[in-house]
PDB file of N, CA and C in Angstrom:
ATOM      1  N   UNK A   1     164.426 103.787  43.703  1.00  0.00           N
ATOM      2  CA  UNK A   1     163.764 104.280  42.525  1.00  0.00           C
ATOM      3  C   UNK A   1     163.414 103.081  41.645  1.00  0.00           C
ATOM      4  N   UNK A   2     162.070 102.977  41.203  1.00  0.00           N
ATOM      5  CA  UNK A   2     161.618 101.871  40.454  1.00  0.00           C
ATOM      6  C   UNK A   2     161.828 102.237  38.896  1.00  0.00           C
ATOM      7  N   UNK A   3     162.517 101.390  38.258  1.00  0.00           N
ATOM      8  CA  UNK A   3     162.721 101.642  36.883  1.00  0.00           C
ATOM      9  C   UNK A   3     161.777 100.931  35.878  1.00  0.00           C
ATOM     10  N   UNK A   4     161.215 101.568  34.949  1.00  0.00           N
ATOM     11  CA  UNK A   4     160.382 100.859  34.068  1.00  0.00           C
ATOM     12  C   UNK A   4     161.224  99.906  33.167  1.00  0.00           C
ATOM     13  N   UNK A   5     160.795  98.535  33.324  1.00  0.00           N
ATOM     14  CA  UNK A   5     161.515  97.680  32.304  1.00  0.00           C
ATOM     15  C   UNK A   5     161.544  97.875  30.783  1.00  0.00           C
ATOM     16  N   UNK A   6     160.550  98.649  30.414  1.00  0.00           N
ATOM     17  CA  UNK A   6     160.468  98.922  28.928  1.00  0.00           C
ATOM     18  C   UNK A   6     161.499 100.006  28.512  1.00  0.00           C
ATOM     19  N   UNK A   7     162.062 100.830  29.376  1.00  0.00           N
ATOM     20  CA  UNK A   7     163.007 101.817  29.027  1.00  0.00           C
ATOM     21  C   UNK A   7     164.228 101.366  28.526  1.00  0.00           C
ATOM     22  N   UNK A   8     164.619 101.668  27.403  1.00  0.00           N
ATOM     23  CA  UNK A   8     165.806 101.290  26.651  1.00  0.00           C
ATOM     24  C   UNK A   8     166.972 102.119  27.395  1.00  0.00           C
ATOM     25  N   UNK A   9     168.107 101.660  27.750  1.00  0.00           N
ATOM     26  CA  UNK A   9     169.289 102.434  28.281  1.00  0.00           C
ATOM     27  C   UNK A   9     170.429 102.372  27.320  1.00  0.00           C
ATOM     28  N   UNK A  10     171.426 103.334  27.470  1.00  0.00           N
ATOM     29  CA  UNK A  10     172.576 103.201  26.684  1.00  0.00           C
ATOM     30  C   UNK A  10     173.495 102.192  27.473  1.00  0.00           C
ATOM     31  N   UNK A  11     174.349 101.567  26.701  1.00  0.00           N
ATOM     32  CA  UNK A  11     175.306 100.674  27.171  1.00  0.00           C
ATOM     33  C   UNK A  11     176.752 101.359  27.103  1.00  0.00           C
ATOM     34  N   UNK A  12     177.610 100.843  27.952  1.00  0.00           N
ATOM     35  CA  UNK A  12     178.947 101.109  28.015  1.00  0.00           C
ATOM     36  C   UNK A  12     179.680 100.745  26.746  1.00  0.00           C
ATOM     37  N   UNK A  13     180.320 101.675  26.211  1.00  0.00           N
ATOM     38  CA  UNK A  13     181.080 101.322  25.032  1.00  0.00           C
ATOM     39  C   UNK A  13     180.703 102.072  23.635  1.00  0.00           C
ATOM     40  N   UNK A  14     179.514 101.793  23.244  1.00  0.00           N
ATOM     41  CA  UNK A  14     179.233 102.403  22.037  1.00  0.00           C
ATOM     42  C   UNK A  14     179.153 103.895  22.021  1.00  0.00           C
ATOM     43  N   UNK A  15     179.429 104.647  20.848  1.00  0.00           N
ATOM     44  CA  UNK A  15     179.205 105.992  20.724  1.00  0.00           C
ATOM     45  C   UNK A  15     177.762 106.313  20.247  1.00  0.00           C
ATOM     46  N   UNK A  16     177.283 107.138  21.005  1.00  0.00           N
ATOM     47  CA  UNK A  16     175.882 107.502  20.875  1.00  0.00           C
ATOM     48  C   UNK A  16     175.861 109.077  20.243  1.00  0.00           C
ATOM     49  N   UNK A  17     174.684 109.413  19.519  1.00  0.00           N
ATOM     50  CA  UNK A  17     174.424 110.661  19.030  1.00  0.00           C
ATOM     51  C   UNK A  17     173.470 111.420  19.880  1.00  0.00           C
ATOM     52  N   UNK A  18     173.725 112.604  20.385  1.00  0.00           N
ATOM     53  CA  UNK A  18     172.806 113.365  21.137  1.00  0.00           C
ATOM     54  C   UNK A  18     171.792 113.812  20.266  1.00  0.00           C
ATOM     55  N   UNK A  19     170.371 113.535  20.645  1.00  0.00           N
ATOM     56  CA  UNK A  19     169.259 114.005  19.834  1.00  0.00           C
ATOM     57  C   UNK A  19     168.612 115.362  20.510  1.00  0.00           C
ATOM     58  N   UNK A  20     168.803 115.347  21.868  1.00  0.00           N
ATOM     59  CA  UNK A  20     168.077 116.465  22.664  1.00  0.00           C
ATOM     60  C   UNK A  20     168.796 116.635  24.040  1.00  0.00           C
ATOM     61  N   UNK A  21     168.743 117.958  24.479  1.00  0.00           N
ATOM     62  CA  UNK A  21     169.386 118.125  25.694  1.00  0.00           C
ATOM     63  C   UNK A  21     168.270 119.092  26.567  1.00  0.00           C
ATOM     64  N   UNK A  22     167.978 118.533  27.696  1.00  0.00           N
ATOM     65  CA  UNK A  22     166.902 119.211  28.524  1.00  0.00           C
ATOM     66  C   UNK A  22     167.567 119.783  29.799  1.00  0.00           C
ATOM     67  N   UNK A  23     167.305 120.919  30.049  1.00  0.00           N
ATOM     68  CA  UNK A  23     167.755 121.688  31.418  1.00  0.00           C
ATOM     69  C   UNK A  23     166.923 121.192  32.459  1.00  0.00           C
ATOM     70  N   UNK A  24     167.459 120.394  33.494  1.00  0.00           N
ATOM     71  CA  UNK A  24     166.773 119.948  34.569  1.00  0.00           C
ATOM     72  C   UNK A  24     167.249 120.706  35.779  1.00  0.00           C
ATOM     73  N   UNK A  25     166.621 120.447  36.869  1.00  0.00           N
ATOM     74  CA  UNK A  25     166.939 121.016  38.232  1.00  0.00           C
ATOM     75  C   UNK A  25     168.301 120.548  38.749  1.00  0.00           C
ATOM     76  N   UNK A  26     168.891 119.472  38.179  1.00  0.00           N
ATOM     77  CA  UNK A  26     169.991 118.794  38.574  1.00  0.00           C
ATOM     78  C   UNK A  26     171.113 118.710  37.410  1.00  0.00           C
ATOM     79  N   UNK A  27     171.127 119.520  36.466  1.00  0.00           N
ATOM     80  CA  UNK A  27     172.004 119.411  35.447  1.00  0.00           C
ATOM     81  C   UNK A  27     171.223 119.221  34.090  1.00  0.00           C
ATOM     82  N   UNK A  28     171.728 118.483  33.171  1.00  0.00           N
ATOM     83  CA  UNK A  28     171.126 118.298  31.930  1.00  0.00           C
ATOM     84  C   UNK A  28     170.817 116.871  31.755  1.00  0.00           C
ATOM     85  N   UNK A  29     169.615 116.664  31.045  1.00  0.00           N
ATOM     86  CA  UNK A  29     169.155 115.404  30.711  1.00  0.00           C
ATOM     87  C   UNK A  29     169.423 115.243  29.204  1.00  0.00           C
ATOM     88  N   UNK A  30     169.804 114.095  28.800  1.00  0.00           N
ATOM     89  CA  UNK A  30     170.192 113.810  27.254  1.00  0.00           C
ATOM     90  C   UNK A  30     169.318 112.661  26.720  1.00  0.00           C
ATOM     91  N   UNK A  31     168.717 112.983  25.567  1.00  0.00           N
ATOM     92  CA  UNK A  31     168.174 111.899  24.724  1.00  0.00           C
ATOM     93  C   UNK A  31     169.011 111.484  23.624  1.00  0.00           C
ATOM     94  N   UNK A  32     168.925 110.351  23.062  1.00  0.00           N
ATOM     95  CA  UNK A  32     169.904 109.813  22.140  1.00  0.00           C
ATOM     96  C   UNK A  32     169.210 109.390  20.750  1.00  0.00           C
ATOM     97  N   UNK A  33     169.827 109.605  19.737  1.00  0.00           N
ATOM     98  CA  UNK A  33     169.224 109.354  18.381  1.00  0.00           C
ATOM     99  C   UNK A  33     169.047 107.711  18.279  1.00  0.00           C
ATOM    100  N   UNK A  34     169.817 106.991  18.910  1.00  0.00           N
ATOM    101  CA  UNK A  34     169.824 105.593  18.742  1.00  0.00           C
ATOM    102  C   UNK A  34     168.823 104.991  19.787  1.00  0.00           C
ATOM    103  N   UNK A  35     168.343 105.669  20.678  1.00  0.00           N
ATOM    104  CA  UNK A  35     167.359 105.183  21.659  1.00  0.00           C
ATOM    105  C   UNK A  35     166.102 106.135  21.734  1.00  0.00           C
ATOM    106  N   UNK A  36     164.883 105.396  21.581  1.00  0.00           N
ATOM    107  CA  UNK A  36     163.747 106.331  21.690  1.00  0.00           C
ATOM    108  C   UNK A  36     162.704 105.619  22.690  1.00  0.00           C
ATOM    109  N   UNK A  37     162.616 106.448  23.685  1.00  0.00           N
ATOM    110  CA  UNK A  37     161.657 106.003  24.889  1.00  0.00           C
ATOM    111  C   UNK A  37     160.444 106.836  24.843  1.00  0.00           C
ATOM    112  N   UNK A  38     160.116 107.564  23.784  1.00  0.00           N
ATOM    113  CA  UNK A  38     158.883 108.386  23.836  1.00  0.00           C
ATOM    114  C   UNK A  38     157.582 107.710  24.038  1.00  0.00           C
ATOM    115  N   UNK A  39     157.458 106.507  23.619  1.00  0.00           N
ATOM    116  CA  UNK A  39     156.167 105.720  23.708  1.00  0.00           C
ATOM    117  C   UNK A  39     156.093 104.959  24.942  1.00  0.00           C
ATOM    118  N   UNK A  40     157.129 105.042  25.906  1.00  0.00           N
ATOM    119  CA  UNK A  40     157.052 104.247  27.079  1.00  0.00           C
ATOM    120  C   UNK A  40     156.085 104.738  28.117  1.00  0.00           C
ATOM    121  N   UNK A  41     155.989 105.909  28.267  1.00  0.00           N
ATOM    122  CA  UNK A  41     155.014 106.430  29.388  1.00  0.00           C
ATOM    123  C   UNK A  41     154.293 107.678  28.609  1.00  0.00           C
ATOM    124  N   UNK A  42     153.244 107.316  27.899  1.00  0.00           N
ATOM    125  CA  UNK A  42     152.426 108.477  27.242  1.00  0.00           C
ATOM    126  C   UNK A  42     152.020 109.482  28.213  1.00  0.00           C
ATOM    127  N   UNK A  43     152.103 110.788  27.722  1.00  0.00           N
ATOM    128  CA  UNK A  43     151.630 111.862  28.649  1.00  0.00           C
ATOM    129  C   UNK A  43     152.715 112.349  29.455  1.00  0.00           C
ATOM    130  N   UNK A  44     153.894 111.653  29.483  1.00  0.00           N
ATOM    131  CA  UNK A  44     154.986 112.111  30.381  1.00  0.00           C
ATOM    132  C   UNK A  44     156.159 112.417  29.513  1.00  0.00           C
ATOM    133  N   UNK A  45     157.181 113.208  29.920  1.00  0.00           N
ATOM    134  CA  UNK A  45     158.267 113.495  29.158  1.00  0.00           C
ATOM    135  C   UNK A  45     159.076 112.213  28.933  1.00  0.00           C
ATOM    136  N   UNK A  46     159.869 112.111  27.652  1.00  0.00           N
ATOM    137  CA  UNK A  46     160.699 111.041  27.439  1.00  0.00           C
ATOM    138  C   UNK A  46     161.687 110.788  28.343  1.00  0.00           C
ATOM    139  N   UNK A  47     161.911 109.545  28.723  1.00  0.00           N
ATOM    140  CA  UNK A  47     163.023 109.171  29.740  1.00  0.00           C
ATOM    141  C   UNK A  47     164.281 109.733  29.130  1.00  0.00           C
ATOM    142  N   UNK A  48     165.048 110.435  29.790  1.00  0.00           N
ATOM    143  CA  UNK A  48     166.470 110.974  29.369  1.00  0.00           C
ATOM    144  C   UNK A  48     167.555 110.604  30.392  1.00  0.00           C
ATOM    145  N   UNK A  49     168.790 110.667  30.035  1.00  0.00           N
ATOM    146  CA  UNK A  49     169.842 110.291  30.724  1.00  0.00           C
ATOM    147  C   UNK A  49     170.759 111.404  31.114  1.00  0.00           C
ATOM    148  N   UNK A  50     171.083 111.383  32.512  1.00  0.00           N
ATOM    149  CA  UNK A  50     171.848 112.513  33.209  1.00  0.00           C
ATOM    150  C   UNK A  50     173.096 112.515  32.476  1.00  0.00           C
ATOM    151  N   UNK A  51     173.615 113.907  32.355  1.00  0.00           N
ATOM    152  CA  UNK A  51     174.960 114.034  31.704  1.00  0.00           C
ATOM    153  C   UNK A  51     176.142 113.373  32.391  1.00  0.00           C
ATOM    154  N   UNK A  52     175.829 113.149  33.608  1.00  0.00           N
ATOM    155  CA  UNK A  52     177.127 112.561  34.328  1.00  0.00           C
ATOM    156  C   UNK A  52     177.378 111.196  33.929  1.00  0.00           C
ATOM    157  N   UNK A  53     176.341 110.496  33.348  1.00  0.00           N
ATOM    158  CA  UNK A  53     176.562 109.097  32.812  1.00  0.00           C
ATOM    159  C   UNK A  53     177.382 108.808  31.632  1.00  0.00           C
ATOM    160  N   UNK A  54     177.807 109.911  31.013  1.00  0.00           N
ATOM    161  CA  UNK A  54     178.541 109.728  29.816  1.00  0.00           C
ATOM    162  C   UNK A  54     180.028 110.404  30.037  1.00  0.00           C
ATOM    163  N   UNK A  55     180.931 109.719  29.210  1.00  0.00           N
ATOM    164  CA  UNK A  55     182.212 110.183  29.102  1.00  0.00           C
ATOM    165  C   UNK A  55     182.364 111.432  28.231  1.00  0.00           C
ATOM    166  N   UNK A  56     183.165 112.319  28.596  1.00  0.00           N
ATOM    167  CA  UNK A  56     183.481 113.562  27.853  1.00  0.00           C
ATOM    168  C   UNK A  56     183.982 113.191  26.446  1.00  0.00           C
ATOM    169  N   UNK A  57     183.587 113.862  25.501  1.00  0.00           N
ATOM    170  CA  UNK A  57     184.128 113.558  24.089  1.00  0.00           C
ATOM    171  C   UNK A  57     185.469 113.900  24.025  1.00  0.00           C
ATOM    172  N   UNK A  58     186.450 113.072  23.715  1.00  0.00           N
ATOM    173  CA  UNK A  58     187.874 113.389  23.648  1.00  0.00           C
ATOM    174  C   UNK A  58     188.165 114.302  22.382  1.00  0.00           C
ATOM    175  N   UNK A  59     189.210 115.043  22.462  1.00  0.00           N
ATOM    176  CA  UNK A  59     189.666 115.951  21.484  1.00  0.00           C
ATOM    177  C   UNK A  59     189.541 115.074  20.084  1.00  0.00           C
ATOM    178  N   UNK A  60     189.275 115.655  18.925  1.00  0.00           N
ATOM    179  CA  UNK A  60     189.175 115.043  17.677  1.00  0.00           C
ATOM    180  C   UNK A  60     190.431 114.405  17.181  1.00  0.00           C
ATOM    181  N   UNK A  61     191.599 115.096  17.604  1.00  0.00           N
ATOM    182  CA  UNK A  61     192.843 114.331  17.179  1.00  0.00           C
ATOM    183  C   UNK A  61     193.134 113.078  17.933  1.00  0.00           C
ATOM    184  N   UNK A  62     192.382 112.711  18.970  1.00  0.00           N
ATOM    185  CA  UNK A  62     192.516 111.513  19.673  1.00  0.00           C
ATOM    186  C   UNK A  62     191.564 110.453  19.358  1.00  0.00           C
ATOM    187  N   UNK A  63     190.705 110.781  18.442  1.00  0.00           N
ATOM    188  CA  UNK A  63     189.655 109.643  17.956  1.00  0.00           C
ATOM    189  C   UNK A  63     190.125 109.063  16.690  1.00  0.00           C
ATOM    190  N   UNK A  64     190.028 107.729  16.691  1.00  0.00           N
ATOM    191  CA  UNK A  64     190.281 107.085  15.531  1.00  0.00           C
ATOM    192  C   UNK A  64     189.080 106.927  14.802  1.00  0.00           C
ATOM    193  N   UNK A  65     188.885 107.671  13.767  1.00  0.00           N
ATOM    194  CA  UNK A  65     187.652 107.930  12.965  1.00  0.00           C
ATOM    195  C   UNK A  65     187.204 106.460  12.461  1.00  0.00           C
ATOM    196  N   UNK A  66     188.091 105.665  11.779  1.00  0.00           N
ATOM    197  CA  UNK A  66     187.700 104.386  11.310  1.00  0.00           C
ATOM    198  C   UNK A  66     187.232 103.471  12.372  1.00  0.00           C
ATOM    199  N   UNK A  67     187.848 103.488  13.744  1.00  0.00           N
ATOM    200  CA  UNK A  67     187.357 102.645  14.659  1.00  0.00           C
ATOM    201  C   UNK A  67     185.960 103.108  15.128  1.00  0.00           C
ATOM    202  N   UNK A  68     185.751 104.451  15.259  1.00  0.00           N
ATOM    203  CA  UNK A  68     184.485 105.034  15.697  1.00  0.00           C
ATOM    204  C   UNK A  68     183.374 104.649  14.820  1.00  0.00           C
ATOM    205  N   UNK A  69     183.676 104.746  13.499  1.00  0.00           N
ATOM    206  CA  UNK A  69     182.585 104.402  12.463  1.00  0.00           C
ATOM    207  C   UNK A  69     182.314 102.877  12.594  1.00  0.00           C
ATOM    208  N   UNK A  70     183.354 102.066  12.680  1.00  0.00           N
ATOM    209  CA  UNK A  70     183.146 100.604  12.819  1.00  0.00           C
ATOM    210  C   UNK A  70     182.192 100.311  14.238  1.00  0.00           C
ATOM    211  N   UNK A  71     182.448 100.975  15.277  1.00  0.00           N
ATOM    212  CA  UNK A  71     181.742 100.771  16.398  1.00  0.00           C
ATOM    213  C   UNK A  71     180.276 101.201  16.272  1.00  0.00           C
ATOM    214  N   UNK A  72     180.067 102.372  15.575  1.00  0.00           N
ATOM    215  CA  UNK A  72     178.668 102.741  15.495  1.00  0.00           C
ATOM    216  C   UNK A  72     177.853 101.787  14.423  1.00  0.00           C
ATOM    217  N   UNK A  73     178.599 101.264  13.630  1.00  0.00           N
ATOM    218  CA  UNK A  73     177.873 100.329  12.628  1.00  0.00           C
ATOM    219  C   UNK A  73     177.526  98.968  13.349  1.00  0.00           C
ATOM    220  N   UNK A  74     178.485  98.577  14.139  1.00  0.00           N
ATOM    221  CA  UNK A  74     178.144  97.279  14.817  1.00  0.00           C
ATOM    222  C   UNK A  74     177.205  97.329  16.082  1.00  0.00           C
ATOM    223  N   UNK A  75     176.670  98.541  16.475  1.00  0.00           N
ATOM    224  CA  UNK A  75     175.847  98.658  17.548  1.00  0.00           C
ATOM    225  C   UNK A  75     174.434  98.135  17.263  1.00  0.00           C
TER     226      UNK A  75
END
């Protein structure tokens, strides 16, 4: 598979905000608020990322809210 070098991709570590979820023939494709690839290939759907590429959200009681906010601000 040839990947377009202009496509922005998520990085390991930061917490991202889901902007959209698309039902595909192989699961769900996710677009992120922090990444916008809409203009990369005009006339085609925006590049999205398969659900399997993301860690599940831990239960709220396991999240250190202050640490999560600090991570999102430094991205």
